[in-house]
N, C-alpha and C. Protein backbone atom coordinates (compact mmCIF):
# COMPACT_ATOMS: atom_id res chain seq x y z
N MET A 1 0.89 -1.08 -0.07
CA MET A 1 -0.12 -0.10 -0.06
C MET A 1 0.80 1.24 -0.04
N ALA A 2 0.34 2.30 -0.65
CA ALA A 2 1.16 3.54 -0.82
C ALA A 2 0.98 4.39 0.60
N LYS A 3 2.02 5.30 1.06
CA LYS A 3 1.96 5.98 2.24
C LYS A 3 1.75 7.28 1.90
N TYR A 4 0.84 8.02 2.50
CA TYR A 4 0.67 9.43 2.36
C TYR A 4 0.80 10.19 3.89
N MET A 5 1.13 11.51 3.64
CA MET A 5 1.08 12.32 4.78
C MET A 5 -0.03 13.49 4.40
N PHE A 6 -0.83 13.69 5.34
CA PHE A 6 -1.78 14.98 5.10
C PHE A 6 -1.31 15.89 6.16
N LYS A 7 -1.17 17.13 5.44
CA LYS A 7 -0.96 18.33 6.43
C LYS A 7 -2.28 19.35 6.54
N VAL A 8 -2.85 19.30 7.67
CA VAL A 8 -4.27 20.03 7.72
C VAL A 8 -3.98 21.23 8.62
N SER A 9 -4.40 22.44 8.01
CA SER A 9 -4.37 23.79 8.76
C SER A 9 -5.82 24.10 8.66
N TYR A 10 -6.56 24.11 9.97
CA TYR A 10 -7.82 24.49 10.36
C TYR A 10 -7.99 25.88 10.19
N SER A 11 -9.36 26.20 9.64
CA SER A 11 -9.65 27.52 9.75
C SER A 11 -10.27 27.77 11.34
N VAL A 12 -10.68 28.98 11.57
CA VAL A 12 -11.32 29.28 12.82
C VAL A 12 -12.56 28.30 12.99
N GLU A 13 -13.25 28.09 12.09
CA GLU A 13 -14.38 27.22 12.13
C GLU A 13 -14.05 25.84 12.23
N GLY A 14 -12.92 25.34 11.82
CA GLY A 14 -12.63 23.94 11.90
C GLY A 14 -12.00 23.67 13.30
N MET A 15 -11.30 24.64 13.83
CA MET A 15 -10.61 24.52 15.02
C MET A 15 -11.53 24.76 15.99
N ARG A 16 -12.72 25.57 15.75
CA ARG A 16 -13.91 25.34 16.73
C ARG A 16 -14.56 24.00 16.96
N GLY A 17 -14.62 23.35 15.77
CA GLY A 17 -15.26 21.98 15.70
C GLY A 17 -14.32 20.96 16.46
N VAL A 18 -13.03 21.27 16.27
CA VAL A 18 -12.16 20.04 17.10
C VAL A 18 -12.31 20.54 18.58
N LEU A 19 -12.58 21.84 19.07
CA LEU A 19 -12.62 22.19 20.62
C LEU A 19 -13.95 21.57 20.91
N LYS A 20 -15.07 21.52 20.29
CA LYS A 20 -16.22 21.05 20.57
C LYS A 20 -16.22 19.56 20.64
N GLU A 21 -15.79 18.98 19.64
CA GLU A 21 -15.76 17.37 19.51
C GLU A 21 -14.89 16.82 20.47
N GLY A 22 -13.59 17.34 20.56
CA GLY A 22 -12.48 16.80 21.33
C GLY A 22 -11.42 16.18 20.33
N ALA A 23 -10.15 16.50 20.68
CA ALA A 23 -9.22 16.04 19.76
C ALA A 23 -9.04 14.48 19.64
N ALA A 24 -9.18 13.81 20.79
CA ALA A 24 -9.14 12.23 20.68
C ALA A 24 -10.45 11.92 19.91
N ASN A 25 -11.53 12.35 20.02
CA ASN A 25 -12.52 12.06 19.14
C ASN A 25 -12.31 12.11 17.73
N ARG A 26 -11.76 13.40 17.44
CA ARG A 26 -11.28 13.54 15.95
C ARG A 26 -10.42 12.79 15.48
N ALA A 27 -9.26 12.22 16.17
CA ALA A 27 -8.24 11.16 15.62
C ALA A 27 -9.00 10.04 15.32
N ASN A 28 -9.92 9.51 16.28
CA ASN A 28 -10.60 8.17 16.25
C ASN A 28 -11.65 8.27 14.96
N PHE A 29 -12.24 9.27 14.98
CA PHE A 29 -13.09 9.27 13.70
C PHE A 29 -12.18 9.19 12.24
N ILE A 30 -11.15 10.00 12.21
CA ILE A 30 -10.17 9.92 10.92
C ILE A 30 -9.78 8.34 11.05
N GLU A 31 -9.31 7.84 12.07
CA GLU A 31 -8.71 6.57 11.90
C GLU A 31 -9.84 5.62 11.28
N LYS A 32 -11.27 5.65 11.75
CA LYS A 32 -12.10 4.74 11.44
C LYS A 32 -12.57 4.90 9.95
N MET A 33 -12.52 6.40 9.55
CA MET A 33 -12.80 6.51 8.10
C MET A 33 -11.95 5.93 7.23
N ILE A 34 -10.47 6.05 7.65
CA ILE A 34 -9.40 5.51 6.83
C ILE A 34 -9.55 4.02 6.86
N ALA A 35 -9.91 3.43 8.01
CA ALA A 35 -10.03 1.95 7.84
C ALA A 35 -11.21 1.39 7.15
N ASP A 36 -12.20 2.09 6.99
CA ASP A 36 -13.44 1.88 6.20
C ASP A 36 -13.09 1.99 4.68
N LEU A 37 -12.17 2.66 4.48
CA LEU A 37 -11.66 2.86 3.09
C LEU A 37 -10.74 1.75 2.64
N GLY A 38 -10.41 0.83 3.58
CA GLY A 38 -9.43 -0.01 3.34
C GLY A 38 -7.84 0.27 3.51
N GLY A 39 -7.93 1.44 4.37
CA GLY A 39 -6.49 1.92 4.64
C GLY A 39 -6.19 1.66 6.06
N ARG A 40 -4.94 2.30 6.29
CA ARG A 40 -4.30 2.04 7.78
C ARG A 40 -3.68 3.31 8.33
N MET A 41 -4.25 3.98 9.26
CA MET A 41 -3.66 5.18 9.87
C MET A 41 -2.24 4.70 10.74
N GLU A 42 -1.32 5.30 10.49
CA GLU A 42 -0.08 5.07 11.01
C GLU A 42 0.14 6.01 12.29
N ALA A 43 -0.23 7.31 12.11
CA ALA A 43 -0.07 8.33 13.06
C ALA A 43 -0.71 9.44 12.62
N PHE A 44 -1.30 10.17 13.96
CA PHE A 44 -2.02 11.27 13.87
C PHE A 44 -1.86 12.22 14.92
N HIS A 45 -1.24 13.42 14.63
CA HIS A 45 -0.73 14.42 15.59
C HIS A 45 -1.21 15.77 15.38
N PHE A 46 -1.56 16.45 16.44
CA PHE A 46 -1.79 17.81 16.42
C PHE A 46 -0.69 18.59 16.58
N ALA A 47 -0.41 19.79 16.14
CA ALA A 47 0.70 20.42 16.20
C ALA A 47 0.69 21.96 16.33
N PHE A 48 1.71 22.68 16.77
CA PHE A 48 1.71 24.06 16.77
C PHE A 48 2.35 24.57 15.74
N GLY A 49 2.06 25.73 15.19
CA GLY A 49 2.50 26.50 13.97
C GLY A 49 1.48 26.51 12.83
N GLU A 50 1.90 26.55 11.73
CA GLU A 50 1.09 26.62 10.29
C GLU A 50 0.28 25.51 10.09
N THR A 51 0.75 24.15 10.46
CA THR A 51 -0.01 23.12 10.07
C THR A 51 -0.56 22.58 11.64
N ASP A 52 -1.80 22.40 11.64
CA ASP A 52 -2.44 21.98 12.87
C ASP A 52 -2.52 20.38 13.13
N VAL A 53 -2.63 19.66 11.98
CA VAL A 53 -2.58 18.29 12.07
C VAL A 53 -1.54 17.72 11.10
N PHE A 54 -0.95 16.46 11.43
CA PHE A 54 -0.08 15.73 10.53
C PHE A 54 -0.70 14.37 10.77
N CYS A 55 -1.20 13.76 9.73
CA CYS A 55 -1.88 12.47 9.51
C CYS A 55 -0.93 11.46 8.69
N ILE A 56 -0.42 10.50 9.11
CA ILE A 56 0.18 9.41 7.86
C ILE A 56 -0.59 8.09 7.96
N ALA A 57 -0.80 7.71 6.63
CA ALA A 57 -1.81 6.78 6.49
C ALA A 57 -1.40 6.11 5.17
N GLU A 58 -1.70 4.79 5.23
CA GLU A 58 -1.60 3.73 4.13
C GLU A 58 -2.74 3.64 3.31
N PHE A 59 -2.88 3.63 2.16
CA PHE A 59 -4.10 3.48 1.22
C PHE A 59 -3.82 2.39 0.25
N PRO A 60 -4.80 1.67 -0.16
CA PRO A 60 -4.79 0.74 -1.21
C PRO A 60 -4.66 1.39 -2.58
N ASP A 61 -4.73 2.62 -2.97
CA ASP A 61 -4.48 3.22 -4.17
C ASP A 61 -4.57 4.69 -4.08
N GLU A 62 -4.13 5.24 -5.16
CA GLU A 62 -4.20 6.82 -5.06
C GLU A 62 -5.46 7.41 -5.27
N LYS A 63 -6.45 6.82 -5.81
CA LYS A 63 -7.82 7.10 -5.92
C LYS A 63 -8.34 7.43 -4.39
N THR A 64 -8.21 6.45 -3.58
CA THR A 64 -8.55 6.55 -2.12
C THR A 64 -8.11 7.73 -1.38
N ALA A 65 -6.72 7.98 -1.65
CA ALA A 65 -5.88 9.02 -0.96
C ALA A 65 -6.54 10.29 -1.51
N THR A 66 -6.77 10.22 -2.78
CA THR A 66 -7.36 11.62 -3.42
C THR A 66 -8.70 11.96 -3.04
N ALA A 67 -9.45 10.99 -2.70
CA ALA A 67 -10.86 11.10 -2.51
C ALA A 67 -10.86 11.78 -1.16
N ILE A 68 -9.91 11.19 -0.20
CA ILE A 68 -10.02 11.89 1.07
C ILE A 68 -9.40 13.36 1.10
N ALA A 69 -8.46 13.65 0.51
CA ALA A 69 -7.81 14.93 0.15
C ALA A 69 -8.90 15.89 -0.37
N ILE A 70 -9.78 15.30 -1.25
CA ILE A 70 -10.79 16.32 -1.86
C ILE A 70 -11.70 16.55 -0.84
N ALA A 71 -12.30 15.37 -0.08
CA ALA A 71 -13.27 15.74 0.92
C ALA A 71 -12.94 16.62 1.99
N VAL A 72 -11.54 16.47 2.71
CA VAL A 72 -11.08 17.23 3.55
C VAL A 72 -11.10 18.83 2.92
N GLY A 73 -10.54 18.78 1.82
CA GLY A 73 -10.11 20.18 1.20
C GLY A 73 -11.48 20.91 0.90
N SER A 74 -12.33 20.25 0.43
CA SER A 74 -13.58 20.96 -0.09
C SER A 74 -14.68 21.12 1.15
N SER A 75 -14.46 20.69 2.31
CA SER A 75 -15.14 20.77 3.66
C SER A 75 -15.41 22.27 4.06
N GLY A 76 -14.34 23.12 3.72
CA GLY A 76 -14.46 24.39 4.15
C GLY A 76 -13.95 24.57 5.43
N VAL A 77 -13.37 23.78 6.29
CA VAL A 77 -12.76 23.78 7.59
C VAL A 77 -11.40 23.93 7.55
N GLY A 78 -10.80 24.18 6.40
CA GLY A 78 -9.15 24.29 6.45
C GLY A 78 -8.57 23.96 5.31
N ARG A 79 -7.40 24.08 5.25
CA ARG A 79 -6.70 23.93 3.92
C ARG A 79 -5.79 22.49 4.16
N THR A 80 -5.62 21.82 3.09
CA THR A 80 -5.03 20.30 3.39
C THR A 80 -3.93 20.43 2.18
N GLU A 81 -2.78 19.67 2.46
CA GLU A 81 -1.64 19.23 1.57
C GLU A 81 -1.49 17.96 1.70
N THR A 82 -1.38 17.25 0.65
CA THR A 82 -1.12 15.79 0.71
C THR A 82 0.11 15.52 0.12
N VAL A 83 0.84 14.70 0.94
CA VAL A 83 2.29 14.40 0.57
C VAL A 83 2.43 12.91 0.31
N LYS A 84 2.96 12.42 -0.93
CA LYS A 84 3.15 10.91 -1.23
C LYS A 84 4.53 10.75 -0.59
N LEU A 85 4.45 9.74 0.32
CA LEU A 85 5.80 9.38 1.05
C LEU A 85 6.38 8.07 0.32
N LEU A 86 7.41 7.94 0.33
CA LEU A 86 8.52 7.08 -0.45
C LEU A 86 9.29 6.37 0.64
N SER A 87 9.32 4.97 0.58
CA SER A 87 10.46 4.30 1.36
C SER A 87 11.71 4.25 0.78
N PRO A 88 12.70 3.82 1.44
CA PRO A 88 14.06 3.77 0.86
C PRO A 88 14.26 2.98 -0.29
N GLU A 89 13.42 1.86 -0.09
CA GLU A 89 13.49 0.84 -1.19
C GLU A 89 12.88 1.30 -2.57
N GLU A 90 11.98 2.22 -2.48
CA GLU A 90 11.34 2.92 -3.63
C GLU A 90 12.22 3.80 -4.24
N ILE A 91 13.01 4.56 -3.29
CA ILE A 91 13.92 5.54 -3.80
C ILE A 91 15.08 4.80 -4.48
N ASP A 92 15.61 3.66 -3.94
CA ASP A 92 16.60 2.72 -4.70
C ASP A 92 16.34 2.16 -5.94
N ALA A 93 15.11 1.88 -5.94
CA ALA A 93 14.53 1.34 -7.33
C ALA A 93 14.55 2.37 -8.41
N ALA A 94 14.08 3.62 -7.87
CA ALA A 94 14.15 4.79 -8.78
C ALA A 94 15.53 5.11 -9.31
N ARG A 95 16.54 4.86 -8.35
CA ARG A 95 17.86 5.27 -8.66
C ARG A 95 18.41 4.40 -9.99
N GLN A 96 17.81 3.34 -10.14
CA GLN A 96 18.14 2.41 -11.08
C GLN A 96 17.79 2.82 -12.45
N ILE A 97 16.81 3.62 -12.56
CA ILE A 97 16.15 3.92 -13.77
C ILE A 97 17.12 4.97 -14.33
N GLN A 98 17.70 4.76 -15.60
CA GLN A 98 18.39 5.94 -16.39
C GLN A 98 17.45 6.78 -17.20
N THR A 99 17.55 8.23 -16.65
CA THR A 99 16.71 9.09 -17.33
C THR A 99 17.16 9.88 -18.52
N GLY A 100 18.54 10.02 -18.59
CA GLY A 100 19.05 10.64 -19.68
C GLY A 100 19.22 11.99 -19.51
N TYR A 101 18.79 12.48 -18.36
CA TYR A 101 18.54 13.90 -17.67
C TYR A 101 20.16 14.45 -17.72
N ARG A 102 20.50 15.70 -18.09
CA ARG A 102 21.86 16.45 -17.94
C ARG A 102 21.54 17.67 -17.53
N ALA A 103 22.24 18.37 -16.48
CA ALA A 103 22.24 19.65 -16.24
C ALA A 103 22.30 20.69 -17.37
N PRO A 104 21.78 21.82 -17.14
CA PRO A 104 22.05 22.93 -18.12
C PRO A 104 23.37 23.28 -18.22
N GLY A 105 23.83 23.85 -19.53
CA GLY A 105 25.26 24.14 -19.54
C GLY A 105 25.96 23.36 -19.93
């Protein structure tokens, strides 16, 4: 399964929802949603700063990760950024591909 990191920055309305619902309840809801879609949540952390939530999860395919990103992004309660994470083995496999690229000049 492919692994993704979702970075969520809540709007004022979104943060009010977390305060009303509770942080643990929100994390449990997200974990269940991911599992119901055939994925597995690896980590869910609230944070200080520009990003309010970091969630790392595995999904059976890109369509499922995309569906979640669209749902969260279109909810109006914040901004989301989705990052595809790669394993060391995936990077090593990519190293073996000869691209023919050369630097300018």
